[in-house]
């Protein structure tokens, strides 16, 4: 018993282990309810169902900020973030942690919009019926939770050991943001995807979709033997996981440029990702209307990256200012996109052209 208590109270990345276990339990419970209650049987989610689920996930993400406030107010965290550690009172420490969590959650939630564009392209390319898309995204999220944990743990270790790595992250974010601005109008070519080429070369892949199965056993085209074949659902799953790996290379440095606290980094990341499935089904039918949002995302990356350098000359930028700037840029991108495309026919929208070509 004493061993278990020692294990649960041990500090891990600035937070007691019982807090980490509790968070993972919350995440697994949310996913279990999602799969067992809302998607027990394969079906095409209605706009109402998806909107409700997206609203629930976003509410949970924002509500968790109260848990963050309480944990840091009570002093459970030995924060690795200098702003939190420098707070003079428990209340100031809690509000600083709260602001950093909300800022990180907003940035990660909006960077996830880019994932929606890619998901829509992948599902359109393989003609995956909407009733099977949730299964692909569900298992994709499971992989993302593990992948992000590994990458964030590695990032936290690097930041803790080499403080200058933050400047590398910042320069990379500015570079990525500028690149996004320059290449915003270019259309991705899924045929050139290296992972897709590798799978087509090394795996047996069916042309048809076999229900919601990732693998099926069919006769080999050459030998006639019954062998395992991957289905387009499995290929789509791998491409979505690969796409998230690419996006994580942007989003992980972005959140570390906001805060170096591993608990805030991971929890804001995961809560943003949890709502991604429902958000996809809400936006997939109108993803074309948000074409200009990618410019706002690029500006957010540039701002977050440049902030680290600017602070060396003007002093620390308060978290509430960063939150306000981030929300303003993204809100501007959303409203401009909706206004710009209000009278445009769907077939004339930039993203529609991209999906038709795919």
Protein backbone atom coordinates (compact mmCIF):
# COMPACT_ATOMS: atom_id res chain seq x y z
CA UNK A 1 0.00 0.00 0.00
CA UNK A 2 2.79 2.40 0.87
CA UNK A 3 4.45 1.59 -2.44
CA UNK A 4 1.27 2.51 -4.35
CA UNK A 5 0.90 5.78 -2.42
CA UNK A 6 4.53 6.63 -3.08
CA UNK A 7 4.03 5.91 -6.77
CA UNK A 8 0.87 8.02 -7.01
CA UNK A 9 2.37 10.99 -5.19
CA UNK A 10 5.69 10.88 -7.04
CA UNK A 11 6.39 13.98 -9.12
CA UNK A 12 6.47 13.36 -12.85
CA UNK A 13 7.13 16.25 -15.24
CA UNK A 14 6.08 18.81 -12.65
CA UNK A 15 2.85 17.14 -11.51
CA UNK A 16 2.00 14.25 -9.13
CA UNK A 17 1.46 10.94 -10.90
CA UNK A 18 -2.14 10.69 -9.61
CA UNK A 19 -3.01 13.85 -11.56
CA UNK A 20 -1.64 12.33 -14.78
CA UNK A 21 -3.51 9.06 -14.15
CA UNK A 22 -6.68 11.01 -13.45
CA UNK A 23 -6.38 12.96 -16.68
CA UNK A 24 -5.80 9.80 -18.75
CA UNK A 25 -8.84 8.22 -17.08
CA UNK A 26 -10.94 11.26 -18.04
CA UNK A 27 -9.79 11.03 -21.66
CA UNK A 28 -10.44 7.28 -21.91
CA UNK A 29 -13.88 7.75 -20.34
CA UNK A 30 -14.78 10.43 -22.89
CA UNK A 31 -13.71 8.18 -25.75
CA UNK A 32 -15.55 5.17 -24.28
CA UNK A 33 -18.77 7.19 -24.01
CA UNK A 34 -18.28 8.49 -27.55
CA UNK A 35 -17.78 5.03 -29.01
CA UNK A 36 -20.22 3.10 -26.82
CA UNK A 37 -23.08 5.62 -26.67
CA UNK A 38 -22.96 7.80 -29.77
CA UNK A 39 -21.27 5.48 -32.28
CA UNK A 40 -22.12 1.95 -31.14
CA UNK A 41 -23.17 1.16 -34.70
CA UNK A 42 -21.66 2.57 -37.88
CA UNK A 43 -23.80 5.42 -39.17
CA UNK A 44 -23.45 8.77 -40.85
CA UNK A 45 -23.47 11.41 -38.09
CA UNK A 46 -26.07 14.09 -38.58
CA UNK A 47 -25.10 17.75 -38.44
CA UNK A 48 -27.07 18.10 -35.20
CA UNK A 49 -25.31 15.12 -33.57
CA UNK A 50 -21.89 16.33 -34.66
CA UNK A 51 -22.58 19.88 -33.51
CA UNK A 52 -23.70 18.65 -30.08
CA UNK A 53 -20.61 16.44 -29.74
CA UNK A 54 -18.29 19.23 -30.89
CA UNK A 55 -19.93 21.59 -28.40
CA UNK A 56 -19.55 19.06 -25.58
CA UNK A 57 -15.87 18.48 -26.39
CA UNK A 58 -15.12 22.20 -26.58
CA UNK A 59 -17.01 22.81 -23.33
CA UNK A 60 -15.01 20.04 -21.63
CA UNK A 61 -11.78 21.55 -22.96
CA UNK A 62 -12.62 24.98 -21.58
CA UNK A 63 -14.04 23.56 -18.34
CA UNK A 64 -10.79 21.73 -17.67
CA UNK A 65 -9.19 25.15 -17.28
CA UNK A 66 -10.96 25.30 -13.89
CA UNK A 67 -9.19 22.06 -12.91
CA UNK A 68 -5.90 23.62 -14.01
CA UNK A 69 -6.63 26.71 -11.88
CA UNK A 70 -7.38 24.54 -8.82
CA UNK A 71 -4.31 22.31 -9.22
CA UNK A 72 -1.94 25.27 -9.45
CA UNK A 73 -3.72 27.23 -6.73
CA UNK A 74 -3.37 24.31 -4.33
CA UNK A 75 0.30 24.02 -5.22
CA UNK A 76 0.25 20.45 -6.55
CA UNK A 77 2.41 21.48 -9.49
CA UNK A 78 6.12 22.17 -9.33
CA UNK A 79 5.87 24.03 -12.60
CA UNK A 80 8.65 24.07 -15.14
CA UNK A 81 7.23 27.28 -16.65
CA UNK A 82 9.11 30.39 -15.44
CA UNK A 83 6.01 32.61 -15.52
CA UNK A 84 4.07 30.27 -13.24
CA UNK A 85 7.03 29.66 -10.96
CA UNK A 86 7.62 33.41 -10.57
CA UNK A 87 4.05 34.16 -9.46
CA UNK A 88 4.02 35.88 -6.07
CA UNK A 89 0.83 34.34 -4.64
CA UNK A 90 -1.13 31.10 -5.14
CA UNK A 91 -3.92 33.07 -6.85
CA UNK A 92 -1.49 34.70 -9.31
CA UNK A 93 0.08 31.31 -9.97
CA UNK A 94 -3.34 29.79 -10.65
CA UNK A 95 -4.46 32.60 -12.99
CA UNK A 96 -1.19 32.51 -14.91
CA UNK A 97 -1.57 28.75 -15.40
CA UNK A 98 -5.21 29.26 -16.43
CA UNK A 99 -4.30 31.89 -19.03
CA UNK A 100 -1.51 29.74 -20.45
CA UNK A 101 -3.80 26.70 -20.67
CA UNK A 102 -6.58 28.61 -22.43
CA UNK A 103 -4.11 30.24 -24.84
CA UNK A 104 -2.54 26.87 -25.62
CA UNK A 105 -5.96 25.23 -26.05
CA UNK A 106 -7.15 27.97 -28.42
CA UNK A 107 -3.98 27.74 -30.52
CA UNK A 108 -4.10 23.93 -30.68
CA UNK A 109 -7.84 23.89 -31.37
CA UNK A 110 -7.48 26.25 -34.29
CA UNK A 111 -4.37 24.60 -35.70
CA UNK A 112 -6.53 21.47 -35.79
CA UNK A 113 -8.58 23.19 -38.52
CA UNK A 114 -5.76 22.36 -40.90
CA UNK A 115 -6.23 18.69 -40.03
CA UNK A 116 -9.87 18.99 -41.08
CA UNK A 117 -8.83 20.11 -44.56
CA UNK A 118 -6.46 17.15 -44.93
CA UNK A 119 -8.98 14.65 -43.54
CA UNK A 120 -11.58 15.85 -46.03
CA UNK A 121 -9.11 15.39 -48.87
CA UNK A 122 -8.09 11.87 -47.74
CA UNK A 123 -11.67 10.65 -47.28
CA UNK A 124 -12.68 12.16 -50.62
CA UNK A 125 -9.70 10.57 -52.40
CA UNK A 126 -10.57 7.06 -51.16
CA UNK A 127 -14.33 7.64 -51.35
CA UNK A 128 -14.78 6.58 -47.71
CA UNK A 129 -18.51 6.68 -46.82
CA UNK A 130 -19.35 9.06 -43.99
CA UNK A 131 -20.70 6.22 -41.82
CA UNK A 132 -17.23 4.62 -41.70
CA UNK A 133 -15.21 7.81 -41.27
CA UNK A 134 -15.77 7.96 -37.51
CA UNK A 135 -14.12 4.54 -37.03
CA UNK A 136 -11.04 5.75 -38.87
CA UNK A 137 -10.89 8.97 -36.85
CA UNK A 138 -11.49 7.18 -33.53
CA UNK A 139 -8.49 4.90 -33.92
CA UNK A 140 -6.54 7.79 -35.37
CA UNK A 141 -7.14 9.77 -32.16
CA UNK A 142 -5.90 6.84 -30.04
CA UNK A 143 -2.64 6.88 -31.97
CA UNK A 144 -2.39 10.65 -31.67
CA UNK A 145 -2.75 10.53 -27.85
CA UNK A 146 0.26 8.21 -27.59
CA UNK A 147 2.26 10.03 -30.26
CA UNK A 148 1.72 13.46 -28.69
CA UNK A 149 2.70 12.12 -25.25
CA UNK A 150 6.02 10.89 -26.63
CA UNK A 151 6.74 14.09 -28.53
CA UNK A 152 5.75 16.37 -25.65
CA UNK A 153 7.83 14.36 -23.18
CA UNK A 154 10.80 14.63 -25.52
CA UNK A 155 10.18 18.34 -26.06
CA UNK A 156 9.93 18.99 -22.31
CA UNK A 157 13.22 17.18 -21.71
CA UNK A 158 14.95 19.21 -24.44
CA UNK A 159 13.56 22.54 -23.16
CA UNK A 160 14.54 21.69 -19.59
CA UNK A 161 18.09 20.66 -20.52
CA UNK A 162 18.75 23.14 -23.35
CA UNK A 163 16.96 26.45 -22.77
CA UNK A 164 18.15 27.78 -26.11
CA UNK A 165 16.05 25.16 -27.92
CA UNK A 166 13.10 27.54 -27.53
CA UNK A 167 14.77 29.90 -30.00
CA UNK A 168 15.09 27.01 -32.44
CA UNK A 169 11.38 26.25 -32.00
CA UNK A 170 10.56 29.93 -32.49
CA UNK A 171 12.61 30.27 -35.67
CA UNK A 172 11.00 27.11 -37.02
CA UNK A 173 7.50 28.48 -36.30
CA UNK A 174 8.25 31.75 -38.08
CA UNK A 175 9.68 29.83 -41.04
CA UNK A 176 6.65 27.52 -41.14
CA UNK A 177 4.22 30.43 -40.93
CA UNK A 178 5.92 32.30 -43.78
CA UNK A 179 5.98 29.09 -45.83
CA UNK A 180 2.24 28.60 -45.21
CA UNK A 181 1.55 32.13 -46.44
CA UNK A 182 3.57 31.59 -49.61
CA UNK A 183 2.14 28.14 -50.38
CA UNK A 184 -1.44 28.77 -49.25
CA UNK A 185 -2.84 28.47 -52.77
CA UNK A 186 -0.92 25.34 -53.73
CA UNK A 187 -2.94 22.13 -53.87
CA UNK A 188 -1.53 19.04 -52.13
CA UNK A 189 -0.90 16.05 -54.38
CA UNK A 190 -1.92 12.91 -52.48
CA UNK A 191 -0.52 10.69 -55.25
CA UNK A 192 2.96 11.97 -54.40
CA UNK A 193 2.61 11.11 -50.71
CA UNK A 194 5.64 8.92 -49.82
CA UNK A 195 3.71 6.80 -47.30
CA UNK A 196 0.97 6.06 -49.84
CA UNK A 197 3.59 5.05 -52.41
CA UNK A 198 5.27 2.74 -49.87
CA UNK A 199 2.01 1.06 -48.86
CA UNK A 200 0.98 0.48 -52.45
CA UNK A 201 4.35 -1.13 -53.12
CA UNK A 202 4.57 -3.34 -50.01
CA UNK A 203 0.95 -4.11 -49.04
CA UNK A 204 -1.94 -5.88 -50.70
CA UNK A 205 -4.67 -3.26 -50.81
CA UNK A 206 -8.24 -3.84 -51.97
CA UNK A 207 -9.88 -1.42 -54.35
CA UNK A 208 -13.24 -1.81 -52.64
CA UNK A 209 -14.29 -0.91 -49.13
CA UNK A 210 -15.31 -3.93 -47.04
CA UNK A 211 -17.61 -2.42 -44.46
CA UNK A 212 -15.72 -0.92 -41.54
CA UNK A 213 -12.93 -3.51 -41.69
CA UNK A 214 -9.30 -2.40 -41.83
CA UNK A 215 -8.21 -5.84 -43.07
CA UNK A 216 -9.94 -8.67 -44.94
CA UNK A 217 -8.85 -12.13 -46.14
CA UNK A 218 -9.18 -12.58 -49.91
CA UNK A 219 -7.58 -14.74 -52.63
CA UNK A 220 -4.20 -13.50 -53.81
CA UNK A 221 -4.33 -12.26 -57.41
CA UNK A 222 -1.26 -14.33 -58.40
CA UNK A 223 -1.34 -17.48 -56.26
CA UNK A 224 -5.02 -17.78 -55.42
CA UNK A 225 -4.17 -18.38 -51.74
CA UNK A 226 -6.33 -16.71 -49.10
CA UNK A 227 -4.21 -13.90 -47.67
CA UNK A 228 -4.75 -10.75 -45.64
CA UNK A 229 -5.43 -7.54 -47.56
CA UNK A 230 -5.53 -3.99 -46.24
CA UNK A 231 -8.63 -1.99 -47.12
CA UNK A 232 -8.84 1.68 -48.10
CA UNK A 233 -9.95 2.39 -44.50
CA UNK A 234 -6.58 1.21 -43.19
CA UNK A 235 -4.71 3.24 -45.80
CA UNK A 236 -6.75 6.34 -44.89
CA UNK A 237 -6.00 5.72 -41.18
CA UNK A 238 -2.25 5.53 -41.83
CA UNK A 239 -2.32 8.70 -43.93
CA UNK A 240 -4.25 10.57 -41.23
CA UNK A 241 -1.74 9.41 -38.59
CA UNK A 242 1.10 10.50 -40.87
CA UNK A 243 -0.59 13.88 -41.41
CA UNK A 244 -0.91 14.38 -37.66
CA UNK A 245 2.78 13.61 -37.25
CA UNK A 246 3.51 16.40 -39.71
CA UNK A 247 1.11 18.77 -37.96
CA UNK A 248 2.61 17.88 -34.57
CA UNK A 249 5.95 19.16 -35.80
CA UNK A 250 4.26 22.58 -35.99
CA UNK A 251 1.87 22.41 -33.05
CA UNK A 252 4.28 21.04 -30.42
CA UNK A 253 6.82 23.87 -30.86
CA UNK A 254 3.88 26.32 -30.95
CA UNK A 255 2.58 25.28 -27.55
CA UNK A 256 6.10 25.15 -26.05
CA UNK A 257 6.60 28.71 -27.26
CA UNK A 258 3.54 29.64 -25.17
CA UNK A 259 4.36 27.65 -22.03
CA UNK A 260 7.04 25.18 -20.99
CA UNK A 261 4.81 23.43 -18.47
CA UNK A 262 4.40 19.79 -19.70
CA UNK A 263 1.04 19.28 -17.98
CA UNK A 264 -0.51 22.36 -19.61
CA UNK A 265 1.10 21.48 -22.95
CA UNK A 266 -0.26 17.92 -22.98
CA UNK A 267 -3.73 18.56 -21.57
CA UNK A 268 -4.43 21.50 -23.89
CA UNK A 269 -3.19 19.39 -26.83
CA UNK A 270 -5.34 16.38 -26.02
CA UNK A 271 -8.53 18.33 -25.32
CA UNK A 272 -8.10 20.13 -28.63
CA UNK A 273 -7.66 16.79 -30.43
CA UNK A 274 -10.61 15.09 -28.67
CA UNK A 275 -13.04 17.45 -30.36
CA UNK A 276 -11.43 17.03 -33.75
CA UNK A 277 -13.65 14.12 -34.88
CA UNK A 278 -16.91 15.90 -34.15
CA UNK A 279 -15.47 19.16 -35.50
CA UNK A 280 -14.61 17.39 -38.75
CA UNK A 281 -18.20 16.23 -39.30
CA UNK A 282 -19.49 19.73 -38.56
CA UNK A 283 -17.08 21.45 -40.95
CA UNK A 284 -16.54 18.81 -43.66
CA UNK A 285 -19.65 19.87 -45.56
CA UNK A 286 -18.58 23.52 -45.47
CA UNK A 287 -14.78 23.22 -45.35
CA UNK A 288 -14.63 25.20 -48.61
CA UNK A 289 -15.98 28.25 -46.79
CA UNK A 290 -12.86 28.41 -44.56
CA UNK A 291 -10.27 28.57 -47.32
CA UNK A 292 -8.76 31.83 -46.02
CA UNK A 293 -8.42 30.54 -42.47
CA UNK A 294 -5.06 29.04 -43.40
CA UNK A 295 -3.66 32.58 -43.72
CA UNK A 296 -4.78 33.31 -40.15
CA UNK A 297 -3.17 30.07 -38.96
CA UNK A 298 0.07 31.14 -40.64
CA UNK A 299 -0.05 34.51 -38.90
CA UNK A 300 -0.64 32.82 -35.53
CA UNK A 301 2.46 30.66 -36.03
CA UNK A 302 4.50 33.73 -36.98
CA UNK A 303 3.23 35.67 -33.94
CA UNK A 304 3.88 32.83 -31.49
CA UNK A 305 7.34 32.21 -32.91
CA UNK A 306 8.35 35.88 -33.11
CA UNK A 307 7.15 36.55 -29.55
CA UNK A 308 10.12 34.64 -28.07
CA UNK A 309 12.59 36.88 -29.91
CA UNK A 310 10.67 40.12 -29.31
CA UNK A 311 10.53 39.49 -25.56
CA UNK A 312 14.32 39.69 -25.40
CA UNK A 313 14.00 43.41 -26.20
CA UNK A 314 10.62 44.56 -24.84
CA UNK A 315 10.25 42.26 -21.84
CA UNK A 316 7.71 39.55 -21.08
CA UNK A 317 4.45 39.80 -23.02
CA UNK A 318 1.57 39.05 -20.61
CA UNK A 319 -0.39 35.84 -21.34
CA UNK A 320 -3.67 37.78 -21.63
CA UNK A 321 -2.21 39.85 -24.50
CA UNK A 322 -1.06 36.72 -26.32
CA UNK A 323 -4.50 35.17 -25.84
CA UNK A 324 -6.20 38.31 -27.16
CA UNK A 325 -3.94 38.57 -30.20
CA UNK A 326 -4.37 34.87 -31.03
CA UNK A 327 -8.17 34.96 -30.75
CA UNK A 328 -8.36 38.20 -32.78
CA UNK A 329 -6.27 36.79 -35.65
CA UNK A 330 -8.26 33.56 -35.82
CA UNK A 331 -11.64 35.29 -35.50
CA UNK A 332 -10.59 37.63 -38.29
CA UNK A 333 -9.63 34.67 -40.49
CA UNK A 334 -12.96 32.93 -39.88
CA UNK A 335 -15.14 35.99 -40.49
CA UNK A 336 -13.15 37.05 -43.55
CA UNK A 337 -13.45 33.54 -45.02
CA UNK A 338 -17.22 33.47 -44.49
CA UNK A 339 -17.63 36.98 -45.89
CA UNK A 340 -15.35 36.39 -48.89
CA UNK A 341 -17.12 33.17 -49.93
CA UNK A 342 -20.70 34.24 -49.13
CA UNK A 343 -21.70 34.59 -52.80
CA UNK A 344 -19.36 32.02 -54.32
CA UNK A 345 -20.81 28.85 -55.81
CA UNK A 346 -19.47 25.67 -54.11
CA UNK A 347 -17.84 24.37 -57.30
CA UNK A 348 -15.90 27.64 -57.66
CA UNK A 349 -14.37 27.55 -54.18
CA UNK A 350 -10.62 26.80 -53.99
CA UNK A 351 -10.92 23.78 -51.67
CA UNK A 352 -13.66 22.26 -53.83
CA UNK A 353 -11.30 22.24 -56.75
CA UNK A 354 -8.69 20.54 -54.66
CA UNK A 355 -11.02 17.77 -53.54
CA UNK A 356 -12.33 17.15 -57.05
CA UNK A 357 -8.82 16.76 -58.35
CA UNK A 358 -8.00 14.34 -55.53
